[in-house]
């Protein structure tokens, strides 16, 4: 009887010891246990339009890449974070940000008209909204767009430039001369529609226009000299989230100082558009 009691006590002691050891590991966000708290790695989730080359898009290798995404990766490398690239429906960007599904919107994101809606990084690209037409269309200026079908991306800075109701009389009057102002989900569709003759002109960010024209090498499309408007790109964070903005901005500034920013700008043929590092 004594031996049985002694064995029972030893078993209980062993079970308690194993329970204590199991409780020493910490959980990751996925619920898996780690060996200690120092093994955790903070994630940084960037929301982007997956069809917005050269800022964010899917490369030939099937991986998301682009100027903004490579900069985001470099920021994460400096801060010891894990980058999560999250393609989003551009029309749902505010919901994604406010719900916490993403930490920022970083994808050729225009400050103009949104100054008070987000906490912004410093601007890093001077951007213009331009017109792209077929070279043989006979369209040379904005005046030639009268009676034409024009397209842009829904929720884009170009759409805002054309439809904003405050201090925008010139552009609102211009839109009234169009046969129709159409919107599509992404610029790849817009260019396909221009190629097919479904529309006569595209209102688009100059970086996107340059990328599309350079990728064709056939001179079938032309960018008009006169821009629709000029603006600047920055990283948009949830309103009042200055703590995260400051951490990202500090790393961003380091990448400007060490030349990484300009190297990436040159890689994506944006060196003449950036407003930092010159």
C-alpha atoms as a PDB file:
ATOM      1  CA  UNK A   1       0.000   0.000   0.000  1.00  0.00           C
ATOM      2  CA  UNK A   2       2.830   2.333   0.866  1.00  0.00           C
ATOM      3  CA  UNK A   3       4.542   1.533  -2.425  1.00  0.00           C
ATOM      4  CA  UNK A   4       1.362   2.278  -4.373  1.00  0.00           C
ATOM      5  CA  UNK A   5       0.971   5.619  -2.606  1.00  0.00           C
ATOM      6  CA  UNK A   6       4.619   6.505  -3.296  1.00  0.00           C
ATOM      7  CA  UNK A   7       4.202   5.678  -7.008  1.00  0.00           C
ATOM      8  CA  UNK A   8       1.045   7.796  -7.236  1.00  0.00           C
ATOM      9  CA  UNK A   9       2.832  10.751  -5.670  1.00  0.00           C
ATOM     10  CA  UNK A  10       5.723  10.410  -8.139  1.00  0.00           C
ATOM     11  CA  UNK A  11       3.310  10.343 -11.107  1.00  0.00           C
ATOM     12  CA  UNK A  12       1.480  13.460  -9.892  1.00  0.00           C
ATOM     13  CA  UNK A  13       4.776  15.280  -9.374  1.00  0.00           C
ATOM     14  CA  UNK A  14       5.895  14.399 -12.904  1.00  0.00           C
ATOM     15  CA  UNK A  15       2.606  15.594 -14.427  1.00  0.00           C
ATOM     16  CA  UNK A  16       2.822  18.914 -12.572  1.00  0.00           C
ATOM     17  CA  UNK A  17       6.413  19.430 -13.714  1.00  0.00           C
ATOM     18  CA  UNK A  18       5.520  18.813 -17.345  1.00  0.00           C
ATOM     19  CA  UNK A  19       2.598  21.236 -17.064  1.00  0.00           C
ATOM     20  CA  UNK A  20       4.865  23.958 -15.721  1.00  0.00           C
ATOM     21  CA  UNK A  21       7.379  23.403 -18.508  1.00  0.00           C
ATOM     22  CA  UNK A  22       4.638  23.534 -21.140  1.00  0.00           C
ATOM     23  CA  UNK A  23       3.441  26.855 -19.735  1.00  0.00           C
ATOM     24  CA  UNK A  24       6.857  28.476 -20.151  1.00  0.00           C
ATOM     25  CA  UNK A  25       6.565  28.879 -23.939  1.00  0.00           C
ATOM     26  CA  UNK A  26       4.903  32.012 -25.311  1.00  0.00           C
ATOM     27  CA  UNK A  27       2.348  32.049 -28.110  1.00  0.00           C
ATOM     28  CA  UNK A  28       2.779  33.698 -31.473  1.00  0.00           C
ATOM     29  CA  UNK A  29      -0.097  35.485 -33.208  1.00  0.00           C
ATOM     30  CA  UNK A  30      -1.021  32.192 -34.864  1.00  0.00           C
ATOM     31  CA  UNK A  31      -1.243  30.438 -31.504  1.00  0.00           C
ATOM     32  CA  UNK A  32       1.892  28.314 -31.947  1.00  0.00           C
ATOM     33  CA  UNK A  33       4.268  28.205 -29.024  1.00  0.00           C
ATOM     34  CA  UNK A  34       7.743  29.610 -29.152  1.00  0.00           C
ATOM     35  CA  UNK A  35      10.714  28.796 -26.961  1.00  0.00           C
ATOM     36  CA  UNK A  36      10.862  32.291 -25.482  1.00  0.00           C
ATOM     37  CA  UNK A  37       9.418  35.781 -25.900  1.00  0.00           C
ATOM     38  CA  UNK A  38      12.427  37.053 -27.839  1.00  0.00           C
ATOM     39  CA  UNK A  39      11.574  34.813 -30.801  1.00  0.00           C
ATOM     40  CA  UNK A  40       8.482  36.900 -31.636  1.00  0.00           C
ATOM     41  CA  UNK A  41       8.734  39.094 -34.732  1.00  0.00           C
ATOM     42  CA  UNK A  42       6.466  42.070 -35.299  1.00  0.00           C
ATOM     43  CA  UNK A  43       4.565  42.024 -38.573  1.00  0.00           C
ATOM     44  CA  UNK A  44       4.059  45.103 -40.745  1.00  0.00           C
ATOM     45  CA  UNK A  45       1.126  44.699 -43.125  1.00  0.00           C
ATOM     46  CA  UNK A  46       1.101  46.907 -46.203  1.00  0.00           C
ATOM     47  CA  UNK A  47      -2.103  47.322 -48.188  1.00  0.00           C
ATOM     48  CA  UNK A  48      -1.587  47.820 -51.923  1.00  0.00           C
ATOM     49  CA  UNK A  49      -3.229  47.606 -55.333  1.00  0.00           C
ATOM     50  CA  UNK A  50      -1.764  44.489 -56.949  1.00  0.00           C
ATOM     51  CA  UNK A  51      -2.126  45.947 -60.449  1.00  0.00           C
ATOM     52  CA  UNK A  52      -0.413  49.298 -59.927  1.00  0.00           C
ATOM     53  CA  UNK A  53       2.973  48.890 -61.589  1.00  0.00           C
ATOM     54  CA  UNK A  54       5.644  50.028 -60.965  1.00  0.00           C
ATOM     55  CA  UNK A  55       4.637  50.674 -57.333  1.00  0.00           C
ATOM     56  CA  UNK A  56       3.012  47.322 -56.549  1.00  0.00           C
ATOM     57  CA  UNK A  57       2.254  44.418 -58.872  1.00  0.00           C
ATOM     58  CA  UNK A  58       2.889  40.714 -59.495  1.00  0.00           C
ATOM     59  CA  UNK A  59       6.233  40.044 -61.159  1.00  0.00           C
ATOM     60  CA  UNK A  60       7.011  37.421 -63.768  1.00  0.00           C
ATOM     61  CA  UNK A  61       8.024  35.039 -60.975  1.00  0.00           C
ATOM     62  CA  UNK A  62       4.542  35.179 -59.466  1.00  0.00           C
ATOM     63  CA  UNK A  63       5.691  37.245 -56.466  1.00  0.00           C
ATOM     64  CA  UNK A  64       4.445  40.702 -55.537  1.00  0.00           C
ATOM     65  CA  UNK A  65       7.048  43.380 -56.130  1.00  0.00           C
ATOM     66  CA  UNK A  66       7.411  47.045 -57.063  1.00  0.00           C
ATOM     67  CA  UNK A  67       9.063  50.248 -55.900  1.00  0.00           C
ATOM     68  CA  UNK A  68       6.843  50.740 -52.849  1.00  0.00           C
ATOM     69  CA  UNK A  69       6.953  47.090 -51.819  1.00  0.00           C
ATOM     70  CA  UNK A  70      10.744  46.938 -52.057  1.00  0.00           C
ATOM     71  CA  UNK A  71      10.963  50.087 -49.950  1.00  0.00           C
ATOM     72  CA  UNK A  72       8.578  48.536 -47.420  1.00  0.00           C
ATOM     73  CA  UNK A  73      10.766  45.438 -47.260  1.00  0.00           C
ATOM     74  CA  UNK A  74      13.846  47.592 -46.673  1.00  0.00           C
ATOM     75  CA  UNK A  75      12.051  49.434 -43.850  1.00  0.00           C
ATOM     76  CA  UNK A  76      11.127  46.099 -42.273  1.00  0.00           C
ATOM     77  CA  UNK A  77      14.709  44.859 -42.563  1.00  0.00           C
ATOM     78  CA  UNK A  78      15.943  47.911 -40.640  1.00  0.00           C
ATOM     79  CA  UNK A  79      13.286  47.564 -37.940  1.00  0.00           C
ATOM     80  CA  UNK A  80      13.474  43.781 -37.596  1.00  0.00           C
ATOM     81  CA  UNK A  81       9.883  43.367 -38.762  1.00  0.00           C
ATOM     82  CA  UNK A  82       8.265  40.768 -40.997  1.00  0.00           C
ATOM     83  CA  UNK A  83       6.641  42.326 -44.074  1.00  0.00           C
ATOM     84  CA  UNK A  84       3.150  41.119 -44.982  1.00  0.00           C
ATOM     85  CA  UNK A  85       2.106  42.177 -48.485  1.00  0.00           C
ATOM     86  CA  UNK A  86      -1.681  42.387 -48.615  1.00  0.00           C
ATOM     87  CA  UNK A  87      -3.312  43.138 -51.977  1.00  0.00           C
ATOM     88  CA  UNK A  88      -6.592  44.950 -51.427  1.00  0.00           C
ATOM     89  CA  UNK A  89      -9.616  46.169 -53.333  1.00  0.00           C
ATOM     90  CA  UNK A  90      -8.728  49.849 -53.699  1.00  0.00           C
ATOM     91  CA  UNK A  91     -12.311  50.906 -52.994  1.00  0.00           C
ATOM     92  CA  UNK A  92     -12.108  49.089 -49.638  1.00  0.00           C
ATOM     93  CA  UNK A  93      -8.792  50.603 -48.530  1.00  0.00           C
ATOM     94  CA  UNK A  94     -10.321  52.717 -45.742  1.00  0.00           C
ATOM     95  CA  UNK A  95     -12.195  49.745 -44.293  1.00  0.00           C
ATOM     96  CA  UNK A  96      -9.051  47.622 -44.411  1.00  0.00           C
ATOM     97  CA  UNK A  97      -7.099  50.313 -42.554  1.00  0.00           C
ATOM     98  CA  UNK A  98      -9.725  51.185 -39.936  1.00  0.00           C
ATOM     99  CA  UNK A  99     -10.381  47.510 -39.148  1.00  0.00           C
ATOM    100  CA  UNK A 100      -6.690  46.806 -38.556  1.00  0.00           C
ATOM    101  CA  UNK A 101      -6.386  44.361 -41.470  1.00  0.00           C
ATOM    102  CA  UNK A 102      -3.523  46.508 -42.742  1.00  0.00           C
ATOM    103  CA  UNK A 103      -1.096  48.847 -40.981  1.00  0.00           C
ATOM    104  CA  UNK A 104      -0.792  51.372 -43.790  1.00  0.00           C
ATOM    105  CA  UNK A 105      -1.652  52.129 -47.397  1.00  0.00           C
ATOM    106  CA  UNK A 106       1.599  52.238 -49.335  1.00  0.00           C
ATOM    107  CA  UNK A 107       1.076  52.123 -53.083  1.00  0.00           C
ATOM    108  CA  UNK A 108       1.386  55.374 -55.005  1.00  0.00           C
ATOM    109  CA  UNK A 109      -1.055  56.908 -52.510  1.00  0.00           C
ATOM    110  CA  UNK A 110      -1.918  60.554 -53.153  1.00  0.00           C
ATOM    111  CA  UNK A 111      -2.039  63.122 -50.357  1.00  0.00           C
ATOM    112  CA  UNK A 112      -3.986  65.686 -52.368  1.00  0.00           C
ATOM    113  CA  UNK A 113      -7.630  65.807 -51.298  1.00  0.00           C
ATOM    114  CA  UNK A 114      -6.965  63.418 -48.408  1.00  0.00           C
ATOM    115  CA  UNK A 115      -4.768  65.626 -46.223  1.00  0.00           C
ATOM    116  CA  UNK A 116      -6.956  65.303 -43.114  1.00  0.00           C
ATOM    117  CA  UNK A 117      -8.108  61.710 -43.581  1.00  0.00           C
ATOM    118  CA  UNK A 118      -4.884  59.916 -42.613  1.00  0.00           C
ATOM    119  CA  UNK A 119      -1.651  60.333 -40.701  1.00  0.00           C
ATOM    120  CA  UNK A 120       0.909  60.799 -43.456  1.00  0.00           C
ATOM    121  CA  UNK A 121       4.581  60.133 -43.940  1.00  0.00           C
ATOM    122  CA  UNK A 122       6.645  62.767 -45.697  1.00  0.00           C
ATOM    123  CA  UNK A 123       5.927  62.878 -49.443  1.00  0.00           C
ATOM    124  CA  UNK A 124       8.471  60.985 -51.519  1.00  0.00           C
ATOM    125  CA  UNK A 125       7.243  61.209 -55.130  1.00  0.00           C
ATOM    126  CA  UNK A 126       6.069  64.225 -57.131  1.00  0.00           C
ATOM    127  CA  UNK A 127       3.308  62.809 -59.277  1.00  0.00           C
ATOM    128  CA  UNK A 128       1.206  64.180 -62.084  1.00  0.00           C
ATOM    129  CA  UNK A 129      -2.091  62.907 -63.460  1.00  0.00           C
ATOM    130  CA  UNK A 130      -1.776  62.669 -67.241  1.00  0.00           C
ATOM    131  CA  UNK A 131      -3.760  61.648 -70.291  1.00  0.00           C
ATOM    132  CA  UNK A 132      -2.885  58.621 -72.423  1.00  0.00           C
ATOM    133  CA  UNK A 133      -4.468  58.227 -75.860  1.00  0.00           C
ATOM    134  CA  UNK A 134      -3.890  56.258 -79.036  1.00  0.00           C
ATOM    135  CA  UNK A 135      -1.141  57.880 -81.070  1.00  0.00           C
ATOM    136  CA  UNK A 136      -3.304  57.992 -84.208  1.00  0.00           C
ATOM    137  CA  UNK A 137      -6.413  59.286 -82.404  1.00  0.00           C
ATOM    138  CA  UNK A 138      -5.906  62.928 -83.320  1.00  0.00           C
ATOM    139  CA  UNK A 139      -6.203  63.890 -79.655  1.00  0.00           C
ATOM    140  CA  UNK A 140      -3.463  66.391 -78.828  1.00  0.00           C
ATOM    141  CA  UNK A 141      -4.859  68.468 -75.942  1.00  0.00           C
ATOM    142  CA  UNK A 142      -7.568  68.349 -73.277  1.00  0.00           C
ATOM    143  CA  UNK A 143      -9.821  70.331 -75.603  1.00  0.00           C
ATOM    144  CA  UNK A 144      -9.760  67.405 -78.031  1.00  0.00           C
ATOM    145  CA  UNK A 145     -11.393  65.183 -75.398  1.00  0.00           C
ATOM    146  CA  UNK A 146     -14.761  66.818 -76.061  1.00  0.00           C
ATOM    147  CA  UNK A 147     -17.261  64.133 -76.993  1.00  0.00           C
ATOM    148  CA  UNK A 148     -14.812  61.335 -76.101  1.00  0.00           C
ATOM    149  CA  UNK A 149     -15.126  58.346 -73.766  1.00  0.00           C
ATOM    150  CA  UNK A 150     -12.643  58.705 -70.929  1.00  0.00           C
ATOM    151  CA  UNK A 151     -11.754  56.056 -68.336  1.00  0.00           C
ATOM    152  CA  UNK A 152      -9.882  55.979 -65.040  1.00  0.00           C
ATOM    153  CA  UNK A 153      -9.571  53.687 -62.031  1.00  0.00           C
ATOM    154  CA  UNK A 154     -12.391  53.891 -59.510  1.00  0.00           C
ATOM    155  CA  UNK A 155     -11.275  55.474 -56.247  1.00  0.00           C
ATOM    156  CA  UNK A 156      -8.021  56.675 -57.808  1.00  0.00           C
ATOM    157  CA  UNK A 157      -6.384  60.074 -57.470  1.00  0.00           C
ATOM    158  CA  UNK A 158      -7.242  60.711 -61.124  1.00  0.00           C
ATOM    159  CA  UNK A 159     -10.923  60.070 -60.408  1.00  0.00           C
ATOM    160  CA  UNK A 160     -10.732  62.438 -57.437  1.00  0.00           C
ATOM    161  CA  UNK A 161      -9.053  65.085 -59.594  1.00  0.00           C
ATOM    162  CA  UNK A 162     -11.893  64.846 -62.104  1.00  0.00           C
ATOM    163  CA  UNK A 163     -14.832  64.691 -59.691  1.00  0.00           C
ATOM    164  CA  UNK A 164     -13.906  66.550 -56.475  1.00  0.00           C
ATOM    165  CA  UNK A 165     -16.523  69.220 -55.843  1.00  0.00           C
ATOM    166  CA  UNK A 166     -14.428  71.755 -53.932  1.00  0.00           C
ATOM    167  CA  UNK A 167     -12.229  74.247 -55.810  1.00  0.00           C
ATOM    168  CA  UNK A 168     -12.357  72.107 -58.930  1.00  0.00           C
ATOM    169  CA  UNK A 169     -14.496  74.072 -61.367  1.00  0.00           C
ATOM    170  CA  UNK A 170     -12.083  73.672 -64.291  1.00  0.00           C
ATOM    171  CA  UNK A 171     -11.983  69.877 -64.153  1.00  0.00           C
ATOM    172  CA  UNK A 172     -15.707  69.535 -63.452  1.00  0.00           C
ATOM    173  CA  UNK A 173     -16.400  71.649 -66.530  1.00  0.00           C
ATOM    174  CA  UNK A 174     -13.995  69.474 -68.529  1.00  0.00           C
ATOM    175  CA  UNK A 175     -15.805  66.272 -67.513  1.00  0.00           C
ATOM    176  CA  UNK A 176     -19.098  67.735 -68.743  1.00  0.00           C
ATOM    177  CA  UNK A 177     -17.617  67.870 -72.251  1.00  0.00           C
ATOM    178  CA  UNK A 178     -16.889  64.117 -72.268  1.00  0.00           C
ATOM    179  CA  UNK A 179     -19.297  61.702 -73.891  1.00  0.00           C
ATOM    180  CA  UNK A 180     -18.767  59.586 -70.775  1.00  0.00           C
ATOM    181  CA  UNK A 181     -16.422  59.254 -67.786  1.00  0.00           C
ATOM    182  CA  UNK A 182     -16.056  55.554 -67.041  1.00  0.00           C
ATOM    183  CA  UNK A 183     -14.378  53.807 -64.113  1.00  0.00           C
ATOM    184  CA  UNK A 184     -12.787  50.358 -63.951  1.00  0.00           C
ATOM    185  CA  UNK A 185     -11.316  48.353 -61.093  1.00  0.00           C
ATOM    186  CA  UNK A 186      -7.677  48.611 -62.245  1.00  0.00           C
ATOM    187  CA  UNK A 187      -5.491  50.311 -64.831  1.00  0.00           C
ATOM    188  CA  UNK A 188      -4.649  47.093 -66.672  1.00  0.00           C
ATOM    189  CA  UNK A 189      -8.313  46.960 -67.646  1.00  0.00           C
ATOM    190  CA  UNK A 190      -8.263  50.636 -68.588  1.00  0.00           C
ATOM    191  CA  UNK A 191      -5.344  50.116 -70.991  1.00  0.00           C
ATOM    192  CA  UNK A 192      -6.974  47.011 -72.447  1.00  0.00           C
ATOM    193  CA  UNK A 193     -10.121  49.052 -73.104  1.00  0.00           C
ATOM    194  CA  UNK A 194      -8.059  51.785 -74.778  1.00  0.00           C
ATOM    195  CA  UNK A 195      -6.314  49.210 -76.969  1.00  0.00           C
ATOM    196  CA  UNK A 196      -9.631  47.738 -78.044  1.00  0.00           C
ATOM    197  CA  UNK A 197     -11.186  51.109 -78.840  1.00  0.00           C
ATOM    198  CA  UNK A 198     -13.800  50.903 -76.083  1.00  0.00           C
ATOM    199  CA  UNK A 199     -12.517  54.239 -74.734  1.00  0.00           C
ATOM    200  CA  UNK A 200     -10.595  57.155 -76.233  1.00  0.00           C
ATOM    201  CA  UNK A 201      -8.420  58.290 -73.333  1.00  0.00           C
ATOM    202  CA  UNK A 202      -7.184  57.301 -69.876  1.00  0.00           C
ATOM    203  CA  UNK A 203      -6.604  59.638 -66.930  1.00  0.00           C
ATOM    204  CA  UNK A 204      -3.738  58.013 -65.022  1.00  0.00           C
ATOM    205  CA  UNK A 205      -0.764  58.671 -62.733  1.00  0.00           C
ATOM    206  CA  UNK A 206       2.350  59.530 -64.706  1.00  0.00           C
ATOM    207  CA  UNK A 207       4.359  56.666 -63.171  1.00  0.00           C
ATOM    208  CA  UNK A 208       1.788  54.152 -64.367  1.00  0.00           C
ATOM    209  CA  UNK A 209       1.647  55.811 -67.784  1.00  0.00           C
ATOM    210  CA  UNK A 210       5.430  55.695 -68.211  1.00  0.00           C
ATOM    211  CA  UNK A 211       5.554  52.044 -67.171  1.00  0.00           C
ATOM    212  CA  UNK A 212       2.792  51.041 -69.580  1.00  0.00           C
ATOM    213  CA  UNK A 213       4.262  52.949 -72.512  1.00  0.00           C
ATOM    214  CA  UNK A 214       7.801  51.677 -71.880  1.00  0.00           C
ATOM    215  CA  UNK A 215       6.620  48.061 -71.656  1.00  0.00           C
ATOM    216  CA  UNK A 216       5.037  48.219 -75.113  1.00  0.00           C
ATOM    217  CA  UNK A 217       7.806  49.639 -77.335  1.00  0.00           C
ATOM    218  CA  UNK A 218       5.343  49.984 -80.199  1.00  0.00           C
ATOM    219  CA  UNK A 219       4.459  53.715 -80.125  1.00  0.00           C
ATOM    220  CA  UNK A 220       0.754  52.909 -80.395  1.00  0.00           C
ATOM    221  CA  UNK A 221      -0.036  54.993 -77.303  1.00  0.00           C
ATOM    222  CA  UNK A 222       0.938  58.562 -76.445  1.00  0.00           C
ATOM    223  CA  UNK A 223       0.979  60.642 -73.273  1.00  0.00           C
ATOM    224  CA  UNK A 224      -0.314  64.179 -73.763  1.00  0.00           C
ATOM    225  CA  UNK A 225       2.041  66.971 -72.725  1.00  0.00           C
ATOM    226  CA  UNK A 226      -0.524  68.867 -70.646  1.00  0.00           C
ATOM    227  CA  UNK A 227      -1.166  67.141 -67.280  1.00  0.00           C
ATOM    228  CA  UNK A 228      -4.556  66.996 -65.643  1.00  0.00           C
ATOM    229  CA  UNK A 229      -3.052  67.872 -62.254  1.00  0.00           C
ATOM    230  CA  UNK A 230       0.038  67.505 -60.079  1.00  0.00           C
ATOM    231  CA  UNK A 231       0.265  65.912 -56.639  1.00  0.00           C
ATOM    232  CA  UNK A 232       2.506  63.987 -54.244  1.00  0.00           C
ATOM    233  CA  UNK A 233       2.662  60.419 -52.963  1.00  0.00           C
ATOM    234  CA  UNK A 234       3.144  59.433 -49.315  1.00  0.00           C
ATOM    235  CA  UNK A 235       2.408  56.523 -46.965  1.00  0.00           C
ATOM    236  CA  UNK A 236      -1.016  56.709 -45.335  1.00  0.00           C
ATOM    237  CA  UNK A 237      -1.511  55.463 -41.769  1.00  0.00           C
ATOM    238  CA  UNK A 238      -4.649  55.330 -39.658  1.00  0.00           C
ATOM    239  CA  UNK A 239      -5.545  58.754 -38.318  1.00  0.00           C
ATOM    240  CA  UNK A 240      -3.474  59.651 -35.228  1.00  0.00           C
ATOM    241  CA  UNK A 241      -1.239  56.574 -35.491  1.00  0.00           C
ATOM    242  CA  UNK A 242       1.845  58.741 -35.204  1.00  0.00           C
ATOM    243  CA  UNK A 243       3.867  56.123 -33.317  1.00  0.00           C
ATOM    244  CA  UNK A 244       3.969  53.692 -36.240  1.00  0.00           C
ATOM    245  CA  UNK A 245       4.349  56.523 -38.753  1.00  0.00           C
ATOM    246  CA  UNK A 246       7.391  57.848 -36.900  1.00  0.00           C
ATOM    247  CA  UNK A 247       9.088  54.424 -36.804  1.00  0.00           C
ATOM    248  CA  UNK A 248       8.538  53.926 -40.525  1.00  0.00           C
ATOM    249  CA  UNK A 249       9.618  57.475 -41.362  1.00  0.00           C
ATOM    250  CA  UNK A 250      12.840  57.112 -39.377  1.00  0.00           C
ATOM    251  CA  UNK A 251      13.767  53.949 -41.289  1.00  0.00           C
ATOM    252  CA  UNK A 252      12.685  55.567 -44.561  1.00  0.00           C
ATOM    253  CA  UNK A 253      15.003  58.509 -43.906  1.00  0.00           C
ATOM    254  CA  UNK A 254      17.882  56.095 -43.274  1.00  0.00           C
ATOM    255  CA  UNK A 255      17.228  54.451 -46.650  1.00  0.00           C
ATOM    256  CA  UNK A 256      17.320  57.866 -48.302  1.00  0.00           C
ATOM    257  CA  UNK A 257      20.617  58.706 -46.586  1.00  0.00           C
ATOM    258  CA  UNK A 258      22.328  55.404 -47.451  1.00  0.00           C
ATOM    259  CA  UNK A 259      21.284  55.556 -51.113  1.00  0.00           C
ATOM    260  CA  UNK A 260      18.866  52.606 -51.119  1.00  0.00           C
ATOM    261  CA  UNK A 261      15.891  54.831 -51.944  1.00  0.00           C
ATOM    262  CA  UNK A 262      17.502  56.346 -55.043  1.00  0.00           C
ATOM    263  CA  UNK A 263      18.815  52.973 -56.252  1.00  0.00           C
ATOM    264  CA  UNK A 264      15.281  51.593 -56.177  1.00  0.00           C
ATOM    265  CA  UNK A 265      13.924  54.727 -57.843  1.00  0.00           C
ATOM    266  CA  UNK A 266      16.428  54.233 -60.667  1.00  0.00           C
ATOM    267  CA  UNK A 267      15.555  50.530 -60.900  1.00  0.00           C
ATOM    268  CA  UNK A 268      11.890  51.383 -61.442  1.00  0.00           C
ATOM    269  CA  UNK A 269      12.643  54.429 -63.638  1.00  0.00           C
ATOM    270  CA  UNK A 270      11.207  56.893 -61.118  1.00  0.00           C
ATOM    271  CA  UNK A 271      14.386  58.839 -60.374  1.00  0.00           C
ATOM    272  CA  UNK A 272      13.114  61.972 -62.121  1.00  0.00           C
ATOM    273  CA  UNK A 273       9.906  61.930 -60.069  1.00  0.00           C
ATOM    274  CA  UNK A 274      11.109  61.399 -56.487  1.00  0.00           C
ATOM    275  CA  UNK A 275      11.260  64.389 -54.145  1.00  0.00           C
ATOM    276  CA  UNK A 276      13.661  62.906 -51.585  1.00  0.00           C
ATOM    277  CA  UNK A 277      17.308  61.899 -51.829  1.00  0.00           C
ATOM    278  CA  UNK A 278      18.291  64.397 -54.526  1.00  0.00           C
END
